[in-house]
ModelCIF file with pLDDT and N, C-alpha, C, O atoms, coordinates in Angstrom:
data_MODEL
#
_entry.id   MODEL 
#
_entity.id                         1 
_entity.type                       polymer 
_entity.pdbx_number_of_molecules   1 
#
_entity_poly.entity_id                      1 
_entity_poly.type                           'polypeptide(L)' 
_entity_poly.nstd_linkage                   no 
_entity_poly.nstd_monomer                   no 
_entity_poly.pdbx_seq_one_letter_code       IYDHDLSIIKTLLDKAKEADITAVIAMDQAVIAYARQIGME 
_entity_poly.pdbx_seq_one_letter_code_can   IYDHDLSIIKTLLDKAKEADITAVIAMDQAVIAYARQIGME 
_entity_poly.pdbx_strand_id                 A 
#
loop_
_entity_poly_seq.entity_id 
_entity_poly_seq.num 
_entity_poly_seq.mon_id 
_entity_poly_seq.hetero 
1 1  ILE n 
1 2  TYR n 
1 3  ASP n 
1 4  HIS n 
1 5  ASP n 
1 6  LEU n 
1 7  SER n 
1 8  ILE n 
1 9  ILE n 
1 10 LYS n 
1 11 THR n 
1 12 LEU n 
1 13 LEU n 
1 14 ASP n 
1 15 LYS n 
1 16 ALA n 
1 17 LYS n 
1 18 GLU n 
1 19 ALA n 
1 20 ASP n 
1 21 ILE n 
1 22 THR n 
1 23 ALA n 
1 24 VAL n 
1 25 ILE n 
1 26 ALA n 
1 27 MET n 
1 28 ASP n 
1 29 GLN n 
1 30 ALA n 
1 31 VAL n 
1 32 ILE n 
1 33 ALA n 
1 34 TYR n 
1 35 ALA n 
1 36 ARG n 
1 37 GLN n 
1 38 ILE n 
1 39 GLY n 
1 40 MET n 
1 41 GLU n 
#
_struct_asym.id          A 
_struct_asym.entity_id   1 
#
loop_
_ma_qa_metric.id 
_ma_qa_metric.mode 
_ma_qa_metric.name 
_ma_qa_metric.software_group_id 
_ma_qa_metric.type 
1 global pLDDT . pLDDT 
2 local  pLDDT . pLDDT 
#
_ma_qa_metric_global.metric_id      1 
_ma_qa_metric_global.metric_value   95.39 
_ma_qa_metric_global.model_id       1 
_ma_qa_metric_global.ordinal_id     1 
#
loop_
_ma_qa_metric_local.label_asym_id 
_ma_qa_metric_local.label_comp_id 
_ma_qa_metric_local.label_seq_id 
_ma_qa_metric_local.metric_id 
_ma_qa_metric_local.metric_value 
_ma_qa_metric_local.model_id 
_ma_qa_metric_local.ordinal_id 
A ILE 1  2 90.00 1 1  
A TYR 2  2 91.00 1 2  
A ASP 3  2 94.00 1 3  
A HIS 4  2 91.00 1 4  
A ASP 5  2 90.00 1 5  
A LEU 6  2 93.00 1 6  
A SER 7  2 93.00 1 7  
A ILE 8  2 92.00 1 8  
A ILE 9  2 93.00 1 9  
A LYS 10 2 95.00 1 10 
A THR 11 2 94.00 1 11 
A LEU 12 2 94.00 1 12 
A LEU 13 2 96.00 1 13 
A ASP 14 2 97.00 1 14 
A LYS 15 2 96.00 1 15 
A ALA 16 2 97.00 1 16 
A LYS 17 2 98.00 1 17 
A GLU 18 2 97.00 1 18 
A ALA 19 2 97.00 1 19 
A ASP 20 2 98.00 1 20 
A ILE 21 2 98.00 1 21 
A THR 22 2 98.00 1 22 
A ALA 23 2 98.00 1 23 
A VAL 24 2 97.00 1 24 
A ILE 25 2 96.00 1 25 
A ALA 26 2 95.00 1 26 
A MET 27 2 93.00 1 27 
A ASP 28 2 93.00 1 28 
A GLN 29 2 94.00 1 29 
A ALA 30 2 95.00 1 30 
A VAL 31 2 96.00 1 31 
A ILE 32 2 97.00 1 32 
A ALA 33 2 97.00 1 33 
A TYR 34 2 97.00 1 34 
A ALA 35 2 97.00 1 35 
A ARG 36 2 97.00 1 36 
A GLN 37 2 97.00 1 37 
A ILE 38 2 98.00 1 38 
A GLY 39 2 97.00 1 39 
A MET 40 2 97.00 1 40 
A GLU 41 2 98.00 1 41 
#
loop_
_atom_site.group_PDB 
_atom_site.id 
_atom_site.type_symbol 
_atom_site.label_atom_id 
_atom_site.label_alt_id 
_atom_site.label_comp_id 
_atom_site.label_asym_id 
_atom_site.label_entity_id 
_atom_site.label_seq_id 
_atom_site.pdbx_PDB_ins_code 
_atom_site.Cartn_x 
_atom_site.Cartn_y 
_atom_site.Cartn_z 
_atom_site.occupancy 
_atom_site.B_iso_or_equiv 
_atom_site.pdbx_formal_charge 
_atom_site.auth_seq_id 
_atom_site.auth_comp_id 
_atom_site.auth_asym_id 
_atom_site.auth_atom_id 
_atom_site.pdbx_PDB_model_num 
ATOM 1   N N  . ILE A 1 1  ? -11.733 -3.144  -3.761 1.00 90.00 ? 1  ILE A N  1 
ATOM 2   C CA . ILE A 1 1  ? -11.895 -1.805  -3.190 1.00 90.00 ? 1  ILE A CA 1 
ATOM 3   C C  . ILE A 1 1  ? -11.664 -0.744  -4.263 1.00 90.00 ? 1  ILE A C  1 
ATOM 4   O O  . ILE A 1 1  ? -10.680 -0.800  -5.001 1.00 90.00 ? 1  ILE A O  1 
ATOM 5   N N  . TYR A 1 2  ? -12.590 0.234   -4.345 1.00 91.00 ? 2  TYR A N  1 
ATOM 6   C CA . TYR A 1 2  ? -12.430 1.366   -5.262 1.00 91.00 ? 2  TYR A CA 1 
ATOM 7   C C  . TYR A 1 2  ? -12.115 2.637   -4.470 1.00 91.00 ? 2  TYR A C  1 
ATOM 8   O O  . TYR A 1 2  ? -12.201 2.650   -3.242 1.00 91.00 ? 2  TYR A O  1 
ATOM 9   N N  . ASP A 1 3  ? -11.749 3.699   -5.183 1.00 94.00 ? 3  ASP A N  1 
ATOM 10  C CA . ASP A 1 3  ? -11.369 4.950   -4.521 1.00 94.00 ? 3  ASP A CA 1 
ATOM 11  C C  . ASP A 1 3  ? -12.448 5.459   -3.569 1.00 94.00 ? 3  ASP A C  1 
ATOM 12  O O  . ASP A 1 3  ? -12.144 5.947   -2.480 1.00 94.00 ? 3  ASP A O  1 
ATOM 13  N N  . HIS A 1 4  ? -13.722 5.342   -3.989 1.00 91.00 ? 4  HIS A N  1 
ATOM 14  C CA . HIS A 1 4  ? -14.789 5.877   -3.145 1.00 91.00 ? 4  HIS A CA 1 
ATOM 15  C C  . HIS A 1 4  ? -15.021 5.035   -1.883 1.00 91.00 ? 4  HIS A C  1 
ATOM 16  O O  . HIS A 1 4  ? -15.778 5.435   -0.998 1.00 91.00 ? 4  HIS A O  1 
ATOM 17  N N  . ASP A 1 5  ? -14.369 3.872   -1.805 1.00 90.00 ? 5  ASP A N  1 
ATOM 18  C CA . ASP A 1 5  ? -14.493 3.019   -0.619 1.00 90.00 ? 5  ASP A CA 1 
ATOM 19  C C  . ASP A 1 5  ? -13.449 3.340   0.451  1.00 90.00 ? 5  ASP A C  1 
ATOM 20  O O  . ASP A 1 5  ? -13.580 2.904   1.595  1.00 90.00 ? 5  ASP A O  1 
ATOM 21  N N  . LEU A 1 6  ? -12.426 4.092   0.089  1.00 93.00 ? 6  LEU A N  1 
ATOM 22  C CA . LEU A 1 6  ? -11.271 4.239   0.976  1.00 93.00 ? 6  LEU A CA 1 
ATOM 23  C C  . LEU A 1 6  ? -11.613 4.881   2.320  1.00 93.00 ? 6  LEU A C  1 
ATOM 24  O O  . LEU A 1 6  ? -11.078 4.480   3.354  1.00 93.00 ? 6  LEU A O  1 
ATOM 25  N N  . SER A 1 7  ? -12.496 5.869   2.308  1.00 93.00 ? 7  SER A N  1 
ATOM 26  C CA . SER A 1 7  ? -12.868 6.508   3.578  1.00 93.00 ? 7  SER A CA 1 
ATOM 27  C C  . SER A 1 7  ? -13.649 5.530   4.460  1.00 93.00 ? 7  SER A C  1 
ATOM 28  O O  . SER A 1 7  ? -13.517 5.547   5.684  1.00 93.00 ? 7  SER A O  1 
ATOM 29  N N  . ILE A 1 8  ? -14.466 4.673   3.828  1.00 92.00 ? 8  ILE A N  1 
ATOM 30  C CA . ILE A 1 8  ? -15.230 3.670   4.576  1.00 92.00 ? 8  ILE A CA 1 
ATOM 31  C C  . ILE A 1 8  ? -14.276 2.659   5.209  1.00 92.00 ? 8  ILE A C  1 
ATOM 32  O O  . ILE A 1 8  ? -14.436 2.272   6.367  1.00 92.00 ? 8  ILE A O  1 
ATOM 33  N N  . ILE A 1 9  ? -13.283 2.240   4.426  1.00 93.00 ? 9  ILE A N  1 
ATOM 34  C CA . ILE A 1 9  ? -12.279 1.286   4.911  1.00 93.00 ? 9  ILE A CA 1 
ATOM 35  C C  . ILE A 1 9  ? -11.589 1.816   6.160  1.00 93.00 ? 9  ILE A C  1 
ATOM 36  O O  . ILE A 1 9  ? -11.431 1.097   7.146  1.00 93.00 ? 9  ILE A O  1 
ATOM 37  N N  . LYS A 1 10 ? -11.185 3.064   6.110  1.00 95.00 ? 10 LYS A N  1 
ATOM 38  C CA . LYS A 1 10 ? -10.477 3.653   7.248  1.00 95.00 ? 10 LYS A CA 1 
ATOM 39  C C  . LYS A 1 10 ? -11.373 3.727   8.483  1.00 95.00 ? 10 LYS A C  1 
ATOM 40  O O  . LYS A 1 10 ? -10.928 3.471   9.602  1.00 95.00 ? 10 LYS A O  1 
ATOM 41  N N  . THR A 1 11 ? -12.642 4.082   8.266  1.00 94.00 ? 11 THR A N  1 
ATOM 42  C CA . THR A 1 11 ? -13.586 4.145   9.384  1.00 94.00 ? 11 THR A CA 1 
ATOM 43  C C  . THR A 1 11 ? -13.786 2.766   10.007 1.00 94.00 ? 11 THR A C  1 
ATOM 44  O O  . THR A 1 11 ? -13.761 2.618   11.229 1.00 94.00 ? 11 THR A O  1 
ATOM 45  N N  . LEU A 1 12 ? -13.985 1.753   9.150  1.00 94.00 ? 12 LEU A N  1 
ATOM 46  C CA . LEU A 1 12 ? -14.192 0.387   9.641  1.00 94.00 ? 12 LEU A CA 1 
ATOM 47  C C  . LEU A 1 12 ? -12.987 -0.114  10.438 1.00 94.00 ? 12 LEU A C  1 
ATOM 48  O O  . LEU A 1 12 ? -13.135 -0.684  11.519 1.00 94.00 ? 12 LEU A O  1 
ATOM 49  N N  . LEU A 1 13 ? -11.798 0.108   9.885  1.00 96.00 ? 13 LEU A N  1 
ATOM 50  C CA . LEU A 1 13 ? -10.591 -0.381  10.557 1.00 96.00 ? 13 LEU A CA 1 
ATOM 51  C C  . LEU A 1 13 ? -10.306 0.395   11.846 1.00 96.00 ? 13 LEU A C  1 
ATOM 52  O O  . LEU A 1 13 ? -9.859  -0.188  12.834 1.00 96.00 ? 13 LEU A O  1 
ATOM 53  N N  . ASP A 1 14 ? -10.562 1.692   11.839 1.00 97.00 ? 14 ASP A N  1 
ATOM 54  C CA . ASP A 1 14 ? -10.363 2.483   13.062 1.00 97.00 ? 14 ASP A CA 1 
ATOM 55  C C  . ASP A 1 14 ? -11.288 1.986   14.174 1.00 97.00 ? 14 ASP A C  1 
ATOM 56  O O  . ASP A 1 14 ? -10.870 1.841   15.323 1.00 97.00 ? 14 ASP A O  1 
ATOM 57  N N  . LYS A 1 15 ? -12.550 1.729   13.819 1.00 96.00 ? 15 LYS A N  1 
ATOM 58  C CA . LYS A 1 15 ? -13.526 1.248   14.809 1.00 96.00 ? 15 LYS A CA 1 
ATOM 59  C C  . LYS A 1 15 ? -13.166 -0.159  15.288 1.00 96.00 ? 15 LYS A C  1 
ATOM 60  O O  . LYS A 1 15 ? -13.325 -0.479  16.466 1.00 96.00 ? 15 LYS A O  1 
ATOM 61  N N  . ALA A 1 16 ? -12.673 -1.002  14.358 1.00 97.00 ? 16 ALA A N  1 
ATOM 62  C CA . ALA A 1 16 ? -12.269 -2.362  14.729 1.00 97.00 ? 16 ALA A CA 1 
ATOM 63  C C  . ALA A 1 16 ? -11.081 -2.326  15.682 1.00 97.00 ? 16 ALA A C  1 
ATOM 64  O O  . ALA A 1 16 ? -11.031 -3.076  16.657 1.00 97.00 ? 16 ALA A O  1 
ATOM 65  N N  . LYS A 1 17 ? -10.134 -1.455  15.394 1.00 98.00 ? 17 LYS A N  1 
ATOM 66  C CA . LYS A 1 17 ? -8.972  -1.295  16.272 1.00 98.00 ? 17 LYS A CA 1 
ATOM 67  C C  . LYS A 1 17 ? -9.406  -0.800  17.651 1.00 98.00 ? 17 LYS A C  1 
ATOM 68  O O  . LYS A 1 17 ? -8.911  -1.276  18.673 1.00 98.00 ? 17 LYS A O  1 
ATOM 69  N N  . GLU A 1 18 ? -10.322 0.146   17.672 1.00 97.00 ? 18 GLU A N  1 
ATOM 70  C CA . GLU A 1 18 ? -10.841 0.701   18.922 1.00 97.00 ? 18 GLU A CA 1 
ATOM 71  C C  . GLU A 1 18 ? -11.554 -0.366  19.756 1.00 97.00 ? 18 GLU A C  1 
ATOM 72  O O  . GLU A 1 18 ? -11.476 -0.360  20.985 1.00 97.00 ? 18 GLU A O  1 
ATOM 73  N N  . ALA A 1 19 ? -12.256 -1.289  19.068 1.00 97.00 ? 19 ALA A N  1 
ATOM 74  C CA . ALA A 1 19 ? -12.984 -2.359  19.752 1.00 97.00 ? 19 ALA A CA 1 
ATOM 75  C C  . ALA A 1 19 ? -12.087 -3.535  20.105 1.00 97.00 ? 19 ALA A C  1 
ATOM 76  O O  . ALA A 1 19 ? -12.545 -4.502  20.715 1.00 97.00 ? 19 ALA A O  1 
ATOM 77  N N  . ASP A 1 20 ? -10.817 -3.465  19.731 1.00 98.00 ? 20 ASP A N  1 
ATOM 78  C CA . ASP A 1 20 ? -9.833  -4.514  20.004 1.00 98.00 ? 20 ASP A CA 1 
ATOM 79  C C  . ASP A 1 20 ? -10.166 -5.817  19.277 1.00 98.00 ? 20 ASP A C  1 
ATOM 80  O O  . ASP A 1 20 ? -10.001 -6.907  19.826 1.00 98.00 ? 20 ASP A O  1 
ATOM 81  N N  . ILE A 1 21 ? -10.638 -5.688  18.032 1.00 98.00 ? 21 ILE A N  1 
ATOM 82  C CA . ILE A 1 21 ? -10.831 -6.852  17.164 1.00 98.00 ? 21 ILE A CA 1 
ATOM 83  C C  . ILE A 1 21 ? -9.445  -7.409  16.839 1.00 98.00 ? 21 ILE A C  1 
ATOM 84  O O  . ILE A 1 21 ? -8.515  -6.644  16.585 1.00 98.00 ? 21 ILE A O  1 
ATOM 85  N N  . THR A 1 22 ? -9.301  -8.734  16.846 1.00 98.00 ? 22 THR A N  1 
ATOM 86  C CA . THR A 1 22 ? -7.981  -9.366  16.739 1.00 98.00 ? 22 THR A CA 1 
ATOM 87  C C  . THR A 1 22 ? -7.265  -9.059  15.431 1.00 98.00 ? 22 THR A C  1 
ATOM 88  O O  . THR A 1 22 ? -6.090  -8.693  15.428 1.00 98.00 ? 22 THR A O  1 
ATOM 89  N N  . ALA A 1 23 ? -7.994  -9.215  14.299 1.00 98.00 ? 23 ALA A N  1 
ATOM 90  C CA . ALA A 1 23 ? -7.334  -9.070  12.993 1.00 98.00 ? 23 ALA A CA 1 
ATOM 91  C C  . ALA A 1 23 ? -8.347  -8.742  11.917 1.00 98.00 ? 23 ALA A C  1 
ATOM 92  O O  . ALA A 1 23 ? -9.553  -8.872  12.124 1.00 98.00 ? 23 ALA A O  1 
ATOM 93  N N  . VAL A 1 24 ? -7.852  -8.317  10.770 1.00 97.00 ? 24 VAL A N  1 
ATOM 94  C CA . VAL A 1 24 ? -8.690  -8.082  9.597  1.00 97.00 ? 24 VAL A CA 1 
ATOM 95  C C  . VAL A 1 24 ? -8.286  -9.076  8.516  1.00 97.00 ? 24 VAL A C  1 
ATOM 96  O O  . VAL A 1 24 ? -7.098  -9.312  8.296  1.00 97.00 ? 24 VAL A O  1 
ATOM 97  N N  . ILE A 1 25 ? -9.281  -9.661  7.839  1.00 96.00 ? 25 ILE A N  1 
ATOM 98  C CA . ILE A 1 25 ? -9.045  -10.552 6.703  1.00 96.00 ? 25 ILE A CA 1 
ATOM 99  C C  . ILE A 1 25 ? -9.171  -9.705  5.442  1.00 96.00 ? 25 ILE A C  1 
ATOM 100 O O  . ILE A 1 25 ? -10.237 -9.151  5.171  1.00 96.00 ? 25 ILE A O  1 
ATOM 101 N N  . ALA A 1 26 ? -8.091  -9.601  4.672  1.00 95.00 ? 26 ALA A N  1 
ATOM 102 C CA . ALA A 1 26 ? -8.053  -8.650  3.559  1.00 95.00 ? 26 ALA A CA 1 
ATOM 103 C C  . ALA A 1 26 ? -7.478  -9.274  2.298  1.00 95.00 ? 26 ALA A C  1 
ATOM 104 O O  . ALA A 1 26 ? -6.769  -10.278 2.345  1.00 95.00 ? 26 ALA A O  1 
ATOM 105 N N  . MET A 1 27 ? -7.805  -8.649  1.160  1.00 93.00 ? 27 MET A N  1 
ATOM 106 C CA . MET A 1 27 ? -7.184  -9.044  -0.103 1.00 93.00 ? 27 MET A CA 1 
ATOM 107 C C  . MET A 1 27 ? -6.682  -7.839  -0.895 1.00 93.00 ? 27 MET A C  1 
ATOM 108 O O  . MET A 1 27 ? -5.811  -7.989  -1.752 1.00 93.00 ? 27 MET A O  1 
ATOM 109 N N  . ASP A 1 28 ? -7.215  -6.645  -0.623 1.00 93.00 ? 28 ASP A N  1 
ATOM 110 C CA . ASP A 1 28 ? -6.799  -5.441  -1.333 1.00 93.00 ? 28 ASP A CA 1 
ATOM 111 C C  . ASP A 1 28 ? -5.661  -4.767  -0.573 1.00 93.00 ? 28 ASP A C  1 
ATOM 112 O O  . ASP A 1 28 ? -5.696  -4.662  0.653  1.00 93.00 ? 28 ASP A O  1 
ATOM 113 N N  . GLN A 1 29 ? -4.657  -4.314  -1.310 1.00 94.00 ? 29 GLN A N  1 
ATOM 114 C CA . GLN A 1 29 ? -3.483  -3.722  -0.674 1.00 94.00 ? 29 GLN A CA 1 
ATOM 115 C C  . GLN A 1 29 ? -3.827  -2.452  0.109  1.00 94.00 ? 29 GLN A C  1 
ATOM 116 O O  . GLN A 1 29 ? -3.127  -2.103  1.059  1.00 94.00 ? 29 GLN A O  1 
ATOM 117 N N  . ALA A 1 30 ? -4.891  -1.768  -0.280 1.00 95.00 ? 30 ALA A N  1 
ATOM 118 C CA . ALA A 1 30 ? -5.306  -0.566  0.441  1.00 95.00 ? 30 ALA A CA 1 
ATOM 119 C C  . ALA A 1 30 ? -5.720  -0.913  1.868  1.00 95.00 ? 30 ALA A C  1 
ATOM 120 O O  . ALA A 1 30 ? -5.391  -0.198  2.815  1.00 95.00 ? 30 ALA A O  1 
ATOM 121 N N  . VAL A 1 31 ? -6.446  -2.021  2.006  1.00 96.00 ? 31 VAL A N  1 
ATOM 122 C CA . VAL A 1 31 ? -6.871  -2.473  3.331  1.00 96.00 ? 31 VAL A CA 1 
ATOM 123 C C  . VAL A 1 31 ? -5.655  -2.940  4.129  1.00 96.00 ? 31 VAL A C  1 
ATOM 124 O O  . VAL A 1 31 ? -5.496  -2.597  5.301  1.00 96.00 ? 31 VAL A O  1 
ATOM 125 N N  . ILE A 1 32 ? -4.811  -3.721  3.482  1.00 97.00 ? 32 ILE A N  1 
ATOM 126 C CA . ILE A 1 32 ? -3.612  -4.249  4.143  1.00 97.00 ? 32 ILE A CA 1 
ATOM 127 C C  . ILE A 1 32 ? -2.719  -3.101  4.632  1.00 97.00 ? 32 ILE A C  1 
ATOM 128 O O  . ILE A 1 32 ? -2.240  -3.119  5.765  1.00 97.00 ? 32 ILE A O  1 
ATOM 129 N N  . ALA A 1 33 ? -2.504  -2.112  3.772  1.00 97.00 ? 33 ALA A N  1 
ATOM 130 C CA . ALA A 1 33 ? -1.608  -1.002  4.106  1.00 97.00 ? 33 ALA A CA 1 
ATOM 131 C C  . ALA A 1 33 ? -2.138  -0.186  5.282  1.00 97.00 ? 33 ALA A C  1 
ATOM 132 O O  . ALA A 1 33 ? -1.382  0.172   6.184  1.00 97.00 ? 33 ALA A O  1 
ATOM 133 N N  . TYR A 1 34 ? -3.450  0.109   5.271  1.00 97.00 ? 34 TYR A N  1 
ATOM 134 C CA . TYR A 1 34 ? -3.998  0.928   6.363  1.00 97.00 ? 34 TYR A CA 1 
ATOM 135 C C  . TYR A 1 34 ? -4.031  0.154   7.670  1.00 97.00 ? 34 TYR A C  1 
ATOM 136 O O  . TYR A 1 34 ? -3.787  0.718   8.737  1.00 97.00 ? 34 TYR A O  1 
ATOM 137 N N  . ALA A 1 35 ? -4.334  -1.138  7.588  1.00 97.00 ? 35 ALA A N  1 
ATOM 138 C CA . ALA A 1 35 ? -4.326  -1.965  8.806  1.00 97.00 ? 35 ALA A CA 1 
ATOM 139 C C  . ALA A 1 35 ? -2.932  -1.987  9.422  1.00 97.00 ? 35 ALA A C  1 
ATOM 140 O O  . ALA A 1 35 ? -2.788  -1.882  10.640 1.00 97.00 ? 35 ALA A O  1 
ATOM 141 N N  . ARG A 1 36 ? -1.914  -2.122  8.592  1.00 97.00 ? 36 ARG A N  1 
ATOM 142 C CA . ARG A 1 36 ? -0.541  -2.110  9.082  1.00 97.00 ? 36 ARG A CA 1 
ATOM 143 C C  . ARG A 1 36 ? -0.188  -0.741  9.671  1.00 97.00 ? 36 ARG A C  1 
ATOM 144 O O  . ARG A 1 36 ? 0.528   -0.646  10.668 1.00 97.00 ? 36 ARG A O  1 
ATOM 145 N N  . GLN A 1 37 ? -0.704  0.318   9.034  1.00 97.00 ? 37 GLN A N  1 
ATOM 146 C CA . GLN A 1 37 ? -0.427  1.681   9.503  1.00 97.00 ? 37 GLN A CA 1 
ATOM 147 C C  . GLN A 1 37 ? -0.937  1.912   10.919 1.00 97.00 ? 37 GLN A C  1 
ATOM 148 O O  . GLN A 1 37 ? -0.284  2.591   11.711 1.00 97.00 ? 37 GLN A O  1 
ATOM 149 N N  . ILE A 1 38 ? -2.118  1.343   11.247 1.00 98.00 ? 38 ILE A N  1 
ATOM 150 C CA . ILE A 1 38 ? -2.692  1.555   12.581 1.00 98.00 ? 38 ILE A CA 1 
ATOM 151 C C  . ILE A 1 38 ? -2.336  0.430   13.547 1.00 98.00 ? 38 ILE A C  1 
ATOM 152 O O  . ILE A 1 38 ? -2.828  0.391   14.675 1.00 98.00 ? 38 ILE A O  1 
ATOM 153 N N  . GLY A 1 39 ? -1.476  -0.485  13.097 1.00 97.00 ? 39 GLY A N  1 
ATOM 154 C CA . GLY A 1 39 ? -1.001  -1.549  13.980 1.00 97.00 ? 39 GLY A CA 1 
ATOM 155 C C  . GLY A 1 39 ? -1.986  -2.679  14.196 1.00 97.00 ? 39 GLY A C  1 
ATOM 156 O O  . GLY A 1 39 ? -2.023  -3.271  15.274 1.00 97.00 ? 39 GLY A O  1 
ATOM 157 N N  . MET A 1 40 ? -2.788  -2.987  13.179 1.00 97.00 ? 40 MET A N  1 
ATOM 158 C CA . MET A 1 40 ? -3.764  -4.076  13.287 1.00 97.00 ? 40 MET A CA 1 
ATOM 159 C C  . MET A 1 40 ? -3.258  -5.315  12.547 1.00 97.00 ? 40 MET A C  1 
ATOM 160 O O  . MET A 1 40 ? -2.728  -5.211  11.441 1.00 97.00 ? 40 MET A O  1 
ATOM 161 N N  . GLU A 1 41 ? -3.423  -6.474  13.158 1.00 98.00 ? 41 GLU A N  1 
ATOM 162 C CA . GLU A 1 41 ? -2.984  -7.734  12.552 1.00 98.00 ? 41 GLU A CA 1 
ATOM 163 C C  . GLU A 1 41 ? -3.752  -8.000  11.262 1.00 98.00 ? 41 GLU A C  1 
ATOM 164 O O  . GLU A 1 41 ? -3.522  -9.016  10.606 1.00 98.00 ? 41 GLU A O  1 
#
């Protein structure tokens, strides 16, 4: 993940959380941190 991807990441995770997707499979700490912030597994 690069800096210009961060807004996309947040949009994807927000929509996934809204759709009640069970979890996100991640490797970048930016994805992990935001998923934890919004309460996503």
